[in-house]
Amino acid sequence: MITPDATPATTPPSGNEAGIAAHERVFRTLRGRIMYGELDPGVPLTIRGIAAEFGVSMTPAREAVRRLAAEGALSLSSSGRVTTPNLSPERIEELAALRALLEPELASRALPRAHMALIERLHTINGRIAEHVAKNDIAAYIRTNLEFHRTIYLRAQAPAMLALVETVWLQLGPTMRMLYMTRTRTDLQRHHRMILAALAAGDEPGLRLALRADVTQGLKMLVG
C-alpha cells in the first residue's frame, strides 16, 4: 500500500516523448559541432550514419537534419545528399556584411550595461582564448571566441537580434574553421583588446569600429 507521502515511481517517457528527446539531442549536438567549427566545409553526412552515431532511429536523425538545413547549418540537395556548408565567396561576403551590421549594434545596446564585472569576465574569457590558440585547439578557440561575443550581446537585451546573429555564426562555423587554419595566429585577440578598451571607456564609436573590424577582417581574407 502506498502512503500519502511516498514517492511515486517515475513514469517512463512515452514513445512520442522519447522520440522528441532523441531528436532534440541529435539536433543540439550537431548544431554545436557545426557552429564551433568541428567539421570542415563540404563534409558529407548521412542520416543513417547520424542515427548510428547517436543510437537513434532514422526518424529523429532525419528531423534533426531537416531543422539544421532550415537554419542553413547543413546543405540538403534534392537527391537527399547532406553536407556541411561550403560557402561561395559571395555568400561569405554576405554573411560577413550581416555580422558587420548586427554585431556592432548589439554591442552598442550592451554598452550602458557594461559594468566592470562584465569587463573582468570578458578579460577572463580572452585569457582562455589565448590558451586555446597556444594549444592549436580550433574548436575550443571558435567556441570561446563566440562566448566572448555572446557575453557582450546578452547585455543588449535584444533576443531577436541575437538569434539572427547566432544563425549567421552557425552558417559560418565550418568556414571559420578553414579561416583559422589558413591565417597567421600571432595576434588573434588584438581587436578583442580594442573592444575591451572601448567598453571600459564607454566609447561607443570606438566599440562599433572594433567590433566591425573583428568580425569582418578575417572573413575578408577568404574572399579577397
N, C-alpha and C. Protein backbone atom coordinates (compact mmCIF):
# COMPACT_ATOMS: atom_id res chain seq x y z
N MET A 1 0.85 -1.19 0.00
CA MET A 1 0.00 0.00 0.00
C MET A 1 0.88 1.24 0.00
N ILE A 2 0.57 2.23 -0.85
CA ILE A 2 1.35 3.45 -0.94
C ILE A 2 0.80 4.48 0.03
N THR A 3 1.66 4.98 0.91
CA THR A 3 1.24 6.02 1.85
C THR A 3 1.23 7.37 1.14
N PRO A 4 0.50 8.36 1.72
CA PRO A 4 0.38 9.64 1.04
C PRO A 4 1.71 10.33 0.77
N ASP A 5 2.75 10.11 1.64
CA ASP A 5 4.00 10.83 1.45
C ASP A 5 5.04 10.00 0.70
N ALA A 6 4.62 8.85 0.18
CA ALA A 6 5.57 8.02 -0.56
C ALA A 6 5.88 8.65 -1.90
N THR A 7 7.09 8.44 -2.40
CA THR A 7 7.49 8.97 -3.70
C THR A 7 6.99 8.04 -4.78
N PRO A 8 6.18 8.53 -5.71
CA PRO A 8 5.65 7.66 -6.75
C PRO A 8 6.75 7.23 -7.70
N ALA A 9 6.53 6.08 -8.31
CA ALA A 9 7.51 5.60 -9.29
C ALA A 9 7.53 6.53 -10.49
N THR A 10 8.69 6.72 -11.07
CA THR A 10 8.83 7.57 -12.24
C THR A 10 8.24 6.88 -13.45
N THR A 11 7.38 7.57 -14.14
CA THR A 11 6.75 7.01 -15.32
C THR A 11 7.69 7.13 -16.50
N PRO A 12 8.02 6.05 -17.17
CA PRO A 12 8.92 6.15 -18.33
C PRO A 12 8.28 6.98 -19.42
N PRO A 13 9.09 7.67 -20.21
CA PRO A 13 8.53 8.50 -21.27
C PRO A 13 7.82 7.66 -22.30
N SER A 14 6.77 8.23 -22.86
CA SER A 14 6.06 7.54 -23.93
C SER A 14 6.95 7.49 -25.16
N GLY A 15 6.53 6.69 -26.14
CA GLY A 15 7.31 6.59 -27.37
C GLY A 15 7.46 7.95 -28.04
N ASN A 16 6.38 8.76 -28.02
CA ASN A 16 6.43 10.08 -28.64
C ASN A 16 7.40 10.99 -27.91
N GLU A 17 7.37 10.99 -26.54
CA GLU A 17 8.26 11.83 -25.75
C GLU A 17 9.71 11.43 -25.96
N ALA A 18 9.98 10.12 -26.00
CA ALA A 18 11.34 9.65 -26.22
C ALA A 18 11.85 10.07 -27.58
N GLY A 19 10.96 10.04 -28.60
CA GLY A 19 11.35 10.46 -29.93
C GLY A 19 11.71 11.93 -29.98
N ILE A 20 10.93 12.76 -29.28
CA ILE A 20 11.22 14.19 -29.22
C ILE A 20 12.56 14.43 -28.55
N ALA A 21 12.82 13.73 -27.44
CA ALA A 21 14.07 13.90 -26.72
C ALA A 21 15.25 13.49 -27.59
N ALA A 22 15.12 12.39 -28.32
CA ALA A 22 16.20 11.92 -29.18
C ALA A 22 16.48 12.92 -30.29
N HIS A 23 15.44 13.42 -30.90
CA HIS A 23 15.60 14.39 -31.99
C HIS A 23 16.29 15.65 -31.49
N GLU A 24 15.89 16.12 -30.31
CA GLU A 24 16.46 17.35 -29.75
C GLU A 24 17.94 17.15 -29.41
N ARG A 25 18.28 15.99 -28.88
CA ARG A 25 19.67 15.70 -28.53
C ARG A 25 20.55 15.68 -29.78
N VAL A 26 20.08 15.03 -30.83
CA VAL A 26 20.84 14.99 -32.08
C VAL A 26 20.97 16.39 -32.66
N PHE A 27 19.88 17.12 -32.66
CA PHE A 27 19.87 18.47 -33.23
C PHE A 27 20.87 19.38 -32.51
N ARG A 28 20.80 19.41 -31.18
CA ARG A 28 21.66 20.32 -30.41
C ARG A 28 23.14 19.94 -30.53
N THR A 29 23.43 18.65 -30.51
CA THR A 29 24.83 18.22 -30.60
C THR A 29 25.41 18.54 -31.96
N LEU A 30 24.69 18.23 -33.01
CA LEU A 30 25.18 18.53 -34.36
C LEU A 30 25.29 20.04 -34.58
N ARG A 31 24.33 20.76 -34.06
CA ARG A 31 24.34 22.23 -34.21
C ARG A 31 25.60 22.81 -33.57
N GLY A 32 25.95 22.33 -32.38
CA GLY A 32 27.15 22.80 -31.72
C GLY A 32 28.40 22.45 -32.49
N ARG A 33 28.47 21.25 -33.02
CA ARG A 33 29.65 20.84 -33.79
C ARG A 33 29.86 21.74 -35.01
N ILE A 34 28.76 22.07 -35.67
CA ILE A 34 28.86 22.90 -36.87
C ILE A 34 29.21 24.33 -36.51
N MET A 35 28.53 24.90 -35.52
CA MET A 35 28.78 26.29 -35.14
C MET A 35 30.20 26.50 -34.66
N TYR A 36 30.74 25.52 -33.92
CA TYR A 36 32.06 25.68 -33.33
C TYR A 36 33.18 25.11 -34.20
N GLY A 37 32.89 24.90 -35.46
CA GLY A 37 33.94 24.55 -36.40
C GLY A 37 34.57 23.19 -36.18
N GLU A 38 33.82 22.23 -35.68
CA GLU A 38 34.38 20.89 -35.51
C GLU A 38 34.37 20.09 -36.81
N LEU A 39 33.67 20.62 -37.81
CA LEU A 39 33.58 19.95 -39.11
C LEU A 39 34.08 20.88 -40.21
N ASP A 40 34.79 20.32 -41.17
CA ASP A 40 35.27 21.10 -42.31
C ASP A 40 34.11 21.45 -43.24
N PRO A 41 34.30 22.45 -44.10
CA PRO A 41 33.27 22.75 -45.12
C PRO A 41 33.10 21.59 -46.10
N GLY A 42 31.86 21.35 -46.51
CA GLY A 42 31.58 20.36 -47.53
C GLY A 42 31.70 18.92 -47.09
N VAL A 43 31.69 18.66 -45.78
CA VAL A 43 31.79 17.28 -45.30
C VAL A 43 30.46 16.56 -45.54
N PRO A 44 30.47 15.41 -46.21
CA PRO A 44 29.21 14.68 -46.42
C PRO A 44 28.76 13.95 -45.16
N LEU A 45 27.48 13.96 -44.93
CA LEU A 45 26.88 13.24 -43.81
C LEU A 45 25.73 12.40 -44.34
N THR A 46 25.41 11.34 -43.62
CA THR A 46 24.25 10.54 -44.00
C THR A 46 23.33 10.42 -42.79
N ILE A 47 22.05 10.38 -43.07
CA ILE A 47 21.08 10.23 -41.98
C ILE A 47 21.30 8.89 -41.28
N ARG A 48 21.62 7.87 -42.05
CA ARG A 48 21.89 6.56 -41.46
C ARG A 48 23.10 6.63 -40.53
N GLY A 49 24.15 7.32 -40.96
CA GLY A 49 25.35 7.46 -40.15
C GLY A 49 25.09 8.25 -38.88
N ILE A 50 24.30 9.32 -38.99
CA ILE A 50 23.94 10.12 -37.83
C ILE A 50 23.14 9.28 -36.84
N ALA A 51 22.17 8.55 -37.36
CA ALA A 51 21.34 7.70 -36.49
C ALA A 51 22.20 6.67 -35.77
N ALA A 52 23.15 6.08 -36.47
CA ALA A 52 24.01 5.06 -35.85
C ALA A 52 24.90 5.69 -34.78
N GLU A 53 25.46 6.86 -35.05
CA GLU A 53 26.34 7.51 -34.08
C GLU A 53 25.62 7.83 -32.78
N PHE A 54 24.39 8.30 -32.90
CA PHE A 54 23.65 8.73 -31.71
C PHE A 54 22.79 7.61 -31.12
N GLY A 55 22.76 6.47 -31.77
CA GLY A 55 21.97 5.37 -31.25
C GLY A 55 20.47 5.63 -31.28
N VAL A 56 20.02 6.29 -32.37
CA VAL A 56 18.59 6.60 -32.51
C VAL A 56 18.09 6.01 -33.83
N SER A 57 16.80 6.06 -34.01
CA SER A 57 16.23 5.59 -35.27
C SER A 57 16.41 6.64 -36.35
N MET A 58 16.03 6.32 -37.55
CA MET A 58 16.19 7.24 -38.67
C MET A 58 15.31 8.48 -38.52
N THR A 59 14.16 8.33 -37.86
CA THR A 59 13.22 9.45 -37.79
C THR A 59 13.78 10.65 -37.04
N PRO A 60 14.29 10.52 -35.79
CA PRO A 60 14.85 11.71 -35.13
C PRO A 60 16.09 12.25 -35.84
N ALA A 61 16.89 11.37 -36.45
CA ALA A 61 18.06 11.83 -37.20
C ALA A 61 17.61 12.67 -38.40
N ARG A 62 16.59 12.20 -39.10
CA ARG A 62 16.07 12.92 -40.27
C ARG A 62 15.48 14.27 -39.86
N GLU A 63 14.76 14.31 -38.74
CA GLU A 63 14.15 15.57 -38.28
C GLU A 63 15.23 16.57 -37.86
N ALA A 64 16.29 16.09 -37.21
CA ALA A 64 17.38 16.99 -36.81
C ALA A 64 18.05 17.58 -38.04
N VAL A 65 18.28 16.75 -39.07
CA VAL A 65 18.88 17.24 -40.31
C VAL A 65 17.97 18.26 -40.97
N ARG A 66 16.69 17.99 -40.98
CA ARG A 66 15.73 18.93 -41.60
C ARG A 66 15.80 20.29 -40.91
N ARG A 67 15.83 20.31 -39.59
CA ARG A 67 15.90 21.58 -38.86
C ARG A 67 17.21 22.31 -39.12
N LEU A 68 18.30 21.58 -39.14
CA LEU A 68 19.60 22.20 -39.38
C LEU A 68 19.69 22.75 -40.81
N ALA A 69 19.10 22.05 -41.74
CA ALA A 69 19.09 22.55 -43.12
C ALA A 69 18.27 23.83 -43.21
N ALA A 70 17.17 23.91 -42.46
CA ALA A 70 16.34 25.10 -42.46
C ALA A 70 17.09 26.32 -41.91
N GLU A 71 18.05 26.08 -41.00
CA GLU A 71 18.85 27.16 -40.44
C GLU A 71 20.08 27.48 -41.29
N GLY A 72 20.31 26.71 -42.33
CA GLY A 72 21.48 26.92 -43.15
C GLY A 72 22.73 26.26 -42.62
N ALA A 73 22.59 25.43 -41.57
CA ALA A 73 23.74 24.76 -40.98
C ALA A 73 24.16 23.54 -41.79
N LEU A 74 23.25 22.99 -42.57
CA LEU A 74 23.55 21.88 -43.47
C LEU A 74 22.95 22.19 -44.83
N SER A 75 23.58 21.65 -45.86
CA SER A 75 23.04 21.76 -47.21
C SER A 75 22.37 20.42 -47.55
N LEU A 76 21.16 20.50 -48.01
CA LEU A 76 20.39 19.30 -48.33
C LEU A 76 19.96 19.39 -49.79
N SER A 77 20.54 18.54 -50.63
CA SER A 77 20.24 18.59 -52.06
C SER A 77 18.91 17.90 -52.36
N SER A 78 18.42 18.09 -53.59
CA SER A 78 17.15 17.46 -53.98
C SER A 78 17.27 15.94 -54.00
N SER A 79 18.50 15.44 -54.15
CA SER A 79 18.72 13.99 -54.16
C SER A 79 18.85 13.42 -52.75
N GLY A 80 18.83 14.32 -51.74
CA GLY A 80 18.94 13.86 -50.36
C GLY A 80 20.36 13.88 -49.82
N ARG A 81 21.32 14.38 -50.58
CA ARG A 81 22.71 14.44 -50.13
C ARG A 81 22.85 15.55 -49.08
N VAL A 82 23.49 15.22 -47.96
CA VAL A 82 23.63 16.16 -46.85
C VAL A 82 25.11 16.50 -46.68
N THR A 83 25.43 17.80 -46.62
CA THR A 83 26.81 18.22 -46.40
C THR A 83 26.83 19.44 -45.48
N THR A 84 27.97 19.68 -44.86
CA THR A 84 28.16 20.93 -44.13
C THR A 84 28.34 22.05 -45.15
N PRO A 85 28.06 23.31 -44.77
CA PRO A 85 28.12 24.41 -45.73
C PRO A 85 29.51 24.58 -46.34
N ASN A 86 29.54 24.68 -47.65
CA ASN A 86 30.77 25.01 -48.38
C ASN A 86 30.47 26.31 -49.12
N LEU A 87 30.72 27.42 -48.46
CA LEU A 87 30.21 28.71 -48.90
C LEU A 87 31.01 29.30 -50.05
N SER A 88 30.31 29.90 -50.99
CA SER A 88 30.96 30.63 -52.07
C SER A 88 31.51 31.94 -51.51
N PRO A 89 32.48 32.57 -52.20
CA PRO A 89 32.96 33.88 -51.75
C PRO A 89 31.85 34.90 -51.58
N GLU A 90 30.86 34.85 -52.49
CA GLU A 90 29.75 35.80 -52.41
C GLU A 90 28.93 35.58 -51.14
N ARG A 91 28.72 34.32 -50.79
CA ARG A 91 27.96 34.01 -49.58
C ARG A 91 28.73 34.40 -48.33
N ILE A 92 30.04 34.16 -48.32
CA ILE A 92 30.86 34.58 -47.18
C ILE A 92 30.79 36.09 -47.01
N GLU A 93 30.89 36.81 -48.12
CA GLU A 93 30.82 38.27 -48.06
C GLU A 93 29.48 38.74 -47.52
N GLU A 94 28.41 38.08 -47.95
CA GLU A 94 27.08 38.45 -47.47
C GLU A 94 26.95 38.23 -45.97
N LEU A 95 27.41 37.08 -45.49
CA LEU A 95 27.31 36.78 -44.06
C LEU A 95 28.22 37.69 -43.24
N ALA A 96 29.38 38.02 -43.79
CA ALA A 96 30.27 38.96 -43.11
C ALA A 96 29.61 40.33 -43.00
N ALA A 97 28.90 40.74 -44.04
CA ALA A 97 28.19 42.02 -44.01
C ALA A 97 27.09 42.01 -42.95
N LEU A 98 26.41 40.88 -42.81
CA LEU A 98 25.39 40.77 -41.77
C LEU A 98 26.00 40.90 -40.38
N ARG A 99 27.14 40.24 -40.16
CA ARG A 99 27.82 40.37 -38.87
C ARG A 99 28.21 41.83 -38.63
N ALA A 100 28.70 42.50 -39.67
CA ALA A 100 29.14 43.88 -39.52
C ALA A 100 27.98 44.83 -39.22
N LEU A 101 26.79 44.47 -39.64
CA LEU A 101 25.61 45.28 -39.35
C LEU A 101 25.05 45.00 -37.96
N LEU A 102 24.90 43.71 -37.64
CA LEU A 102 24.18 43.33 -36.44
C LEU A 102 25.03 43.40 -35.17
N GLU A 103 26.27 42.95 -35.24
CA GLU A 103 27.05 42.82 -34.01
C GLU A 103 27.48 44.16 -33.41
N PRO A 104 27.91 45.15 -34.21
CA PRO A 104 28.16 46.46 -33.60
C PRO A 104 26.91 47.07 -32.97
N GLU A 105 25.75 46.81 -33.56
CA GLU A 105 24.51 47.32 -32.98
C GLU A 105 24.22 46.65 -31.64
N LEU A 106 24.41 45.35 -31.56
CA LEU A 106 24.22 44.65 -30.29
C LEU A 106 25.19 45.17 -29.23
N ALA A 107 26.45 45.35 -29.62
CA ALA A 107 27.45 45.85 -28.66
C ALA A 107 27.08 47.25 -28.19
N SER A 108 26.61 48.09 -29.11
CA SER A 108 26.19 49.44 -28.74
C SER A 108 25.05 49.42 -27.73
N ARG A 109 24.11 48.52 -27.92
CA ARG A 109 22.99 48.41 -26.99
C ARG A 109 23.43 47.84 -25.64
N ALA A 110 24.51 47.05 -25.67
CA ALA A 110 25.02 46.47 -24.43
C ALA A 110 25.85 47.47 -23.62
N LEU A 111 26.41 48.47 -24.28
CA LEU A 111 27.36 49.38 -23.64
C LEU A 111 26.84 50.02 -22.34
N PRO A 112 25.59 50.49 -22.26
CA PRO A 112 25.13 51.09 -21.00
C PRO A 112 25.12 50.12 -19.82
N ARG A 113 25.14 48.82 -20.10
CA ARG A 113 25.13 47.81 -19.02
C ARG A 113 26.48 47.08 -18.91
N ALA A 114 27.52 47.68 -19.48
CA ALA A 114 28.85 47.05 -19.46
C ALA A 114 29.59 47.46 -18.19
N HIS A 115 29.18 46.90 -17.05
CA HIS A 115 29.83 47.22 -15.77
C HIS A 115 31.17 46.51 -15.67
N MET A 116 31.94 46.84 -14.65
CA MET A 116 33.30 46.31 -14.53
C MET A 116 33.32 44.80 -14.35
N ALA A 117 32.31 44.23 -13.70
CA ALA A 117 32.27 42.77 -13.53
C ALA A 117 32.18 42.09 -14.89
N LEU A 118 31.41 42.66 -15.81
CA LEU A 118 31.30 42.10 -17.15
C LEU A 118 32.65 42.19 -17.87
N ILE A 119 33.30 43.33 -17.77
CA ILE A 119 34.58 43.52 -18.45
C ILE A 119 35.63 42.57 -17.88
N GLU A 120 35.62 42.36 -16.58
CA GLU A 120 36.55 41.41 -15.98
C GLU A 120 36.28 39.99 -16.49
N ARG A 121 35.01 39.65 -16.61
CA ARG A 121 34.66 38.33 -17.13
C ARG A 121 35.15 38.17 -18.57
N LEU A 122 35.03 39.23 -19.36
CA LEU A 122 35.49 39.18 -20.74
C LEU A 122 37.01 39.03 -20.80
N HIS A 123 37.73 39.68 -19.90
CA HIS A 123 39.19 39.51 -19.83
C HIS A 123 39.53 38.04 -19.54
N THR A 124 38.76 37.42 -18.64
CA THR A 124 38.99 36.01 -18.31
C THR A 124 38.76 35.12 -19.53
N ILE A 125 37.67 35.37 -20.25
CA ILE A 125 37.38 34.59 -21.46
C ILE A 125 38.49 34.80 -22.48
N ASN A 126 38.97 36.03 -22.61
CA ASN A 126 40.03 36.31 -23.57
C ASN A 126 41.32 35.55 -23.21
N GLY A 127 41.56 35.40 -21.92
CA GLY A 127 42.70 34.60 -21.48
C GLY A 127 42.57 33.15 -21.89
N ARG A 128 41.35 32.60 -21.80
CA ARG A 128 41.13 31.22 -22.23
C ARG A 128 41.32 31.08 -23.74
N ILE A 129 40.92 32.11 -24.49
CA ILE A 129 41.13 32.08 -25.94
C ILE A 129 42.61 31.94 -26.25
N ALA A 130 43.44 32.70 -25.54
CA ALA A 130 44.89 32.64 -25.76
C ALA A 130 45.42 31.23 -25.49
N GLU A 131 44.89 30.58 -24.47
CA GLU A 131 45.32 29.21 -24.16
C GLU A 131 44.96 28.25 -25.29
N HIS A 132 43.76 28.41 -25.85
CA HIS A 132 43.34 27.52 -26.94
C HIS A 132 44.18 27.76 -28.20
N VAL A 133 44.52 29.02 -28.44
CA VAL A 133 45.38 29.32 -29.59
C VAL A 133 46.74 28.67 -29.40
N ALA A 134 47.28 28.77 -28.19
CA ALA A 134 48.60 28.17 -27.91
C ALA A 134 48.57 26.66 -28.11
N LYS A 135 47.45 26.03 -27.82
CA LYS A 135 47.32 24.58 -27.98
C LYS A 135 46.85 24.18 -29.38
N ASN A 136 46.58 25.18 -30.21
CA ASN A 136 46.08 24.95 -31.57
C ASN A 136 44.80 24.13 -31.56
N ASP A 137 43.93 24.41 -30.59
CA ASP A 137 42.64 23.73 -30.47
C ASP A 137 41.60 24.58 -31.18
N ILE A 138 41.33 24.22 -32.43
CA ILE A 138 40.48 25.06 -33.29
C ILE A 138 39.07 25.19 -32.74
N ALA A 139 38.43 24.05 -32.44
CA ALA A 139 37.04 24.09 -31.98
C ALA A 139 36.91 24.86 -30.67
N ALA A 140 37.86 24.65 -29.74
CA ALA A 140 37.80 25.37 -28.46
C ALA A 140 38.01 26.86 -28.67
N TYR A 141 38.90 27.22 -29.61
CA TYR A 141 39.11 28.64 -29.91
C TYR A 141 37.82 29.27 -30.43
N ILE A 142 37.19 28.63 -31.43
CA ILE A 142 35.97 29.20 -32.01
C ILE A 142 34.87 29.28 -30.96
N ARG A 143 34.73 28.22 -30.16
CA ARG A 143 33.69 28.20 -29.12
C ARG A 143 33.89 29.35 -28.13
N THR A 144 35.13 29.54 -27.68
CA THR A 144 35.40 30.56 -26.67
C THR A 144 35.34 31.95 -27.28
N ASN A 145 35.74 32.07 -28.54
CA ASN A 145 35.62 33.35 -29.22
C ASN A 145 34.16 33.78 -29.32
N LEU A 146 33.28 32.84 -29.67
CA LEU A 146 31.86 33.17 -29.73
C LEU A 146 31.29 33.42 -28.34
N GLU A 147 31.83 32.76 -27.33
CA GLU A 147 31.40 33.04 -25.95
C GLU A 147 31.73 34.48 -25.58
N PHE A 148 32.89 34.96 -25.99
CA PHE A 148 33.28 36.36 -25.74
C PHE A 148 32.23 37.30 -26.33
N HIS A 149 31.88 37.07 -27.60
CA HIS A 149 30.90 37.93 -28.25
C HIS A 149 29.52 37.78 -27.62
N ARG A 150 29.09 36.55 -27.37
CA ARG A 150 27.75 36.32 -26.82
C ARG A 150 27.61 36.97 -25.44
N THR A 151 28.68 36.93 -24.65
CA THR A 151 28.63 37.53 -23.31
C THR A 151 28.34 39.02 -23.39
N ILE A 152 28.91 39.69 -24.38
CA ILE A 152 28.60 41.11 -24.58
C ILE A 152 27.16 41.28 -25.05
N TYR A 153 26.77 40.52 -26.05
CA TYR A 153 25.48 40.74 -26.70
C TYR A 153 24.30 40.41 -25.80
N LEU A 154 24.49 39.50 -24.85
CA LEU A 154 23.40 39.21 -23.92
C LEU A 154 23.00 40.44 -23.13
N ARG A 155 23.96 41.35 -22.91
CA ARG A 155 23.68 42.59 -22.18
C ARG A 155 22.83 43.56 -23.00
N ALA A 156 22.73 43.32 -24.29
CA ALA A 156 21.93 44.21 -25.14
C ALA A 156 20.44 44.04 -24.91
N GLN A 157 20.06 42.90 -24.36
CA GLN A 157 18.64 42.58 -24.13
C GLN A 157 17.85 42.72 -25.43
N ALA A 158 18.39 42.12 -26.49
CA ALA A 158 17.75 42.14 -27.80
C ALA A 158 17.76 40.71 -28.35
N PRO A 159 16.90 39.84 -27.80
CA PRO A 159 16.96 38.42 -28.13
C PRO A 159 16.71 38.10 -29.60
N ALA A 160 15.85 38.85 -30.27
CA ALA A 160 15.59 38.56 -31.68
C ALA A 160 16.84 38.85 -32.51
N MET A 161 17.52 39.94 -32.22
CA MET A 161 18.73 40.28 -32.95
C MET A 161 19.84 39.26 -32.67
N LEU A 162 19.95 38.84 -31.42
CA LEU A 162 20.97 37.84 -31.08
C LEU A 162 20.69 36.51 -31.77
N ALA A 163 19.43 36.14 -31.88
CA ALA A 163 19.08 34.89 -32.57
C ALA A 163 19.50 34.95 -34.04
N LEU A 164 19.34 36.11 -34.67
CA LEU A 164 19.78 36.26 -36.05
C LEU A 164 21.30 36.11 -36.16
N VAL A 165 22.01 36.71 -35.23
CA VAL A 165 23.47 36.62 -35.23
C VAL A 165 23.92 35.17 -35.06
N GLU A 166 23.27 34.45 -34.17
CA GLU A 166 23.66 33.05 -33.94
C GLU A 166 23.39 32.19 -35.17
N THR A 167 22.37 32.53 -35.94
CA THR A 167 22.12 31.80 -37.19
C THR A 167 23.25 32.05 -38.18
N VAL A 168 23.75 33.28 -38.22
CA VAL A 168 24.89 33.60 -39.08
C VAL A 168 26.13 32.83 -38.61
N TRP A 169 26.38 32.82 -37.30
CA TRP A 169 27.52 32.06 -36.76
C TRP A 169 27.43 30.59 -37.17
N LEU A 170 26.21 30.07 -37.10
CA LEU A 170 26.00 28.65 -37.42
C LEU A 170 26.38 28.36 -38.87
N GLN A 171 25.96 29.22 -39.78
CA GLN A 171 26.27 29.00 -41.19
C GLN A 171 27.77 29.16 -41.47
N LEU A 172 28.44 29.98 -40.67
CA LEU A 172 29.86 30.26 -40.88
C LEU A 172 30.79 29.29 -40.16
N GLY A 173 30.26 28.41 -39.32
CA GLY A 173 31.10 27.58 -38.47
C GLY A 173 32.22 26.85 -39.20
N PRO A 174 31.90 26.03 -40.21
CA PRO A 174 32.96 25.33 -40.94
C PRO A 174 33.92 26.30 -41.65
N THR A 175 33.40 27.43 -42.14
CA THR A 175 34.25 28.43 -42.78
C THR A 175 35.22 29.04 -41.78
N MET A 176 34.76 29.27 -40.55
CA MET A 176 35.64 29.81 -39.51
C MET A 176 36.76 28.82 -39.21
N ARG A 177 36.45 27.54 -39.26
CA ARG A 177 37.50 26.54 -39.07
C ARG A 177 38.56 26.65 -40.16
N MET A 178 38.10 26.77 -41.41
CA MET A 178 39.01 26.92 -42.54
C MET A 178 39.84 28.19 -42.40
N LEU A 179 39.20 29.28 -41.96
CA LEU A 179 39.91 30.55 -41.79
C LEU A 179 41.01 30.42 -40.74
N TYR A 180 40.69 29.78 -39.63
CA TYR A 180 41.68 29.61 -38.57
C TYR A 180 42.89 28.84 -39.08
N MET A 181 42.66 27.86 -39.92
CA MET A 181 43.75 27.01 -40.40
C MET A 181 44.61 27.71 -41.45
N THR A 182 44.08 28.76 -42.10
CA THR A 182 44.81 29.39 -43.18
C THR A 182 45.47 30.71 -42.80
N ARG A 183 45.04 31.35 -41.71
CA ARG A 183 45.60 32.66 -41.36
C ARG A 183 46.69 32.50 -40.31
N THR A 184 47.52 33.52 -40.21
CA THR A 184 48.52 33.55 -39.15
C THR A 184 47.82 33.80 -37.82
N ARG A 185 48.36 33.22 -36.75
CA ARG A 185 47.68 33.30 -35.46
C ARG A 185 48.55 34.01 -34.41
N THR A 186 49.31 34.98 -34.88
CA THR A 186 50.21 35.67 -33.96
C THR A 186 49.46 36.59 -33.01
N ASP A 187 48.35 37.18 -33.46
CA ASP A 187 47.65 38.13 -32.59
C ASP A 187 46.16 38.14 -32.93
N LEU A 188 45.48 37.03 -32.64
CA LEU A 188 44.06 36.93 -32.95
C LEU A 188 43.19 37.79 -32.03
N GLN A 189 43.76 38.27 -30.93
CA GLN A 189 42.95 38.97 -29.94
C GLN A 189 43.15 40.48 -29.94
N ARG A 190 43.82 41.00 -30.96
CA ARG A 190 44.07 42.44 -31.00
C ARG A 190 42.77 43.23 -30.97
N HIS A 191 41.79 42.80 -31.77
CA HIS A 191 40.52 43.52 -31.79
C HIS A 191 39.75 43.32 -30.49
N HIS A 192 39.90 42.17 -29.86
CA HIS A 192 39.24 41.97 -28.57
C HIS A 192 39.76 42.97 -27.54
N ARG A 193 41.06 43.23 -27.57
CA ARG A 193 41.60 44.22 -26.64
C ARG A 193 41.05 45.61 -26.94
N MET A 194 40.86 45.91 -28.22
CA MET A 194 40.24 47.18 -28.59
C MET A 194 38.79 47.25 -28.11
N ILE A 195 38.09 46.14 -28.23
CA ILE A 195 36.70 46.08 -27.75
C ILE A 195 36.64 46.31 -26.25
N LEU A 196 37.53 45.64 -25.52
CA LEU A 196 37.54 45.78 -24.07
C LEU A 196 37.88 47.21 -23.66
N ALA A 197 38.82 47.83 -24.35
CA ALA A 197 39.18 49.21 -24.03
C ALA A 197 38.01 50.16 -24.29
N ALA A 198 37.29 49.93 -25.38
CA ALA A 198 36.14 50.78 -25.70
C ALA A 198 35.01 50.59 -24.69
N LEU A 199 34.79 49.35 -24.27
CA LEU A 199 33.77 49.09 -23.25
C LEU A 199 34.12 49.81 -21.95
N ALA A 200 35.38 49.71 -21.54
CA ALA A 200 35.81 50.34 -20.28
C ALA A 200 35.70 51.85 -20.35
N ALA A 201 35.95 52.43 -21.54
CA ALA A 201 35.92 53.88 -21.69
C ALA A 201 34.53 54.41 -22.01
N GLY A 202 33.58 53.52 -22.27
CA GLY A 202 32.26 53.96 -22.69
C GLY A 202 32.26 54.61 -24.06
N ASP A 203 33.18 54.17 -24.90
CA ASP A 203 33.41 54.77 -26.23
C ASP A 203 32.59 54.01 -27.27
N GLU A 204 31.39 54.50 -27.56
CA GLU A 204 30.52 53.80 -28.50
C GLU A 204 31.07 53.78 -29.92
N PRO A 205 31.54 54.91 -30.49
CA PRO A 205 32.12 54.84 -31.85
C PRO A 205 33.31 53.89 -31.92
N GLY A 206 34.17 53.92 -30.90
CA GLY A 206 35.32 53.02 -30.89
C GLY A 206 34.91 51.57 -30.77
N LEU A 207 33.84 51.32 -29.99
CA LEU A 207 33.34 49.96 -29.82
C LEU A 207 32.79 49.43 -31.14
N ARG A 208 32.00 50.24 -31.82
CA ARG A 208 31.45 49.82 -33.11
C ARG A 208 32.57 49.53 -34.12
N LEU A 209 33.57 50.40 -34.14
CA LEU A 209 34.67 50.22 -35.08
C LEU A 209 35.44 48.94 -34.78
N ALA A 210 35.74 48.69 -33.50
CA ALA A 210 36.49 47.50 -33.11
C ALA A 210 35.70 46.23 -33.41
N LEU A 211 34.40 46.25 -33.14
CA LEU A 211 33.56 45.08 -33.42
C LEU A 211 33.50 44.79 -34.91
N ARG A 212 33.31 45.84 -35.69
CA ARG A 212 33.21 45.65 -37.13
C ARG A 212 34.51 45.07 -37.69
N ALA A 213 35.64 45.58 -37.23
CA ALA A 213 36.93 45.07 -37.69
C ALA A 213 37.12 43.61 -37.27
N ASP A 214 36.72 43.30 -36.04
CA ASP A 214 36.92 41.95 -35.52
C ASP A 214 36.13 40.91 -36.29
N VAL A 215 34.90 41.24 -36.65
CA VAL A 215 34.04 40.22 -37.27
C VAL A 215 34.19 40.13 -38.78
N THR A 216 34.87 41.10 -39.39
CA THR A 216 34.96 41.08 -40.86
C THR A 216 36.38 40.89 -41.39
N GLN A 217 37.39 41.29 -40.64
CA GLN A 217 38.73 41.29 -41.20
C GLN A 217 39.18 39.91 -41.68
N GLY A 218 39.00 38.90 -40.83
CA GLY A 218 39.42 37.56 -41.22
C GLY A 218 38.64 37.03 -42.39
N LEU A 219 37.31 37.24 -42.37
CA LEU A 219 36.49 36.72 -43.45
C LEU A 219 36.83 37.36 -44.79
N LYS A 220 37.27 38.63 -44.76
CA LYS A 220 37.65 39.29 -46.00
C LYS A 220 38.85 38.61 -46.65
N MET A 221 39.68 37.96 -45.84
CA MET A 221 40.83 37.24 -46.39
C MET A 221 40.39 36.11 -47.30
N LEU A 222 39.23 35.54 -47.02
CA LEU A 222 38.76 34.38 -47.78
C LEU A 222 38.08 34.78 -49.10
N VAL A 223 37.72 36.05 -49.23
CA VAL A 223 37.02 36.50 -50.45
C VAL A 223 37.87 37.48 -51.23
N GLY A 224 39.04 37.82 -50.71
CA GLY A 224 39.89 38.79 -51.37
C GLY A 224 40.62 38.19 -52.57
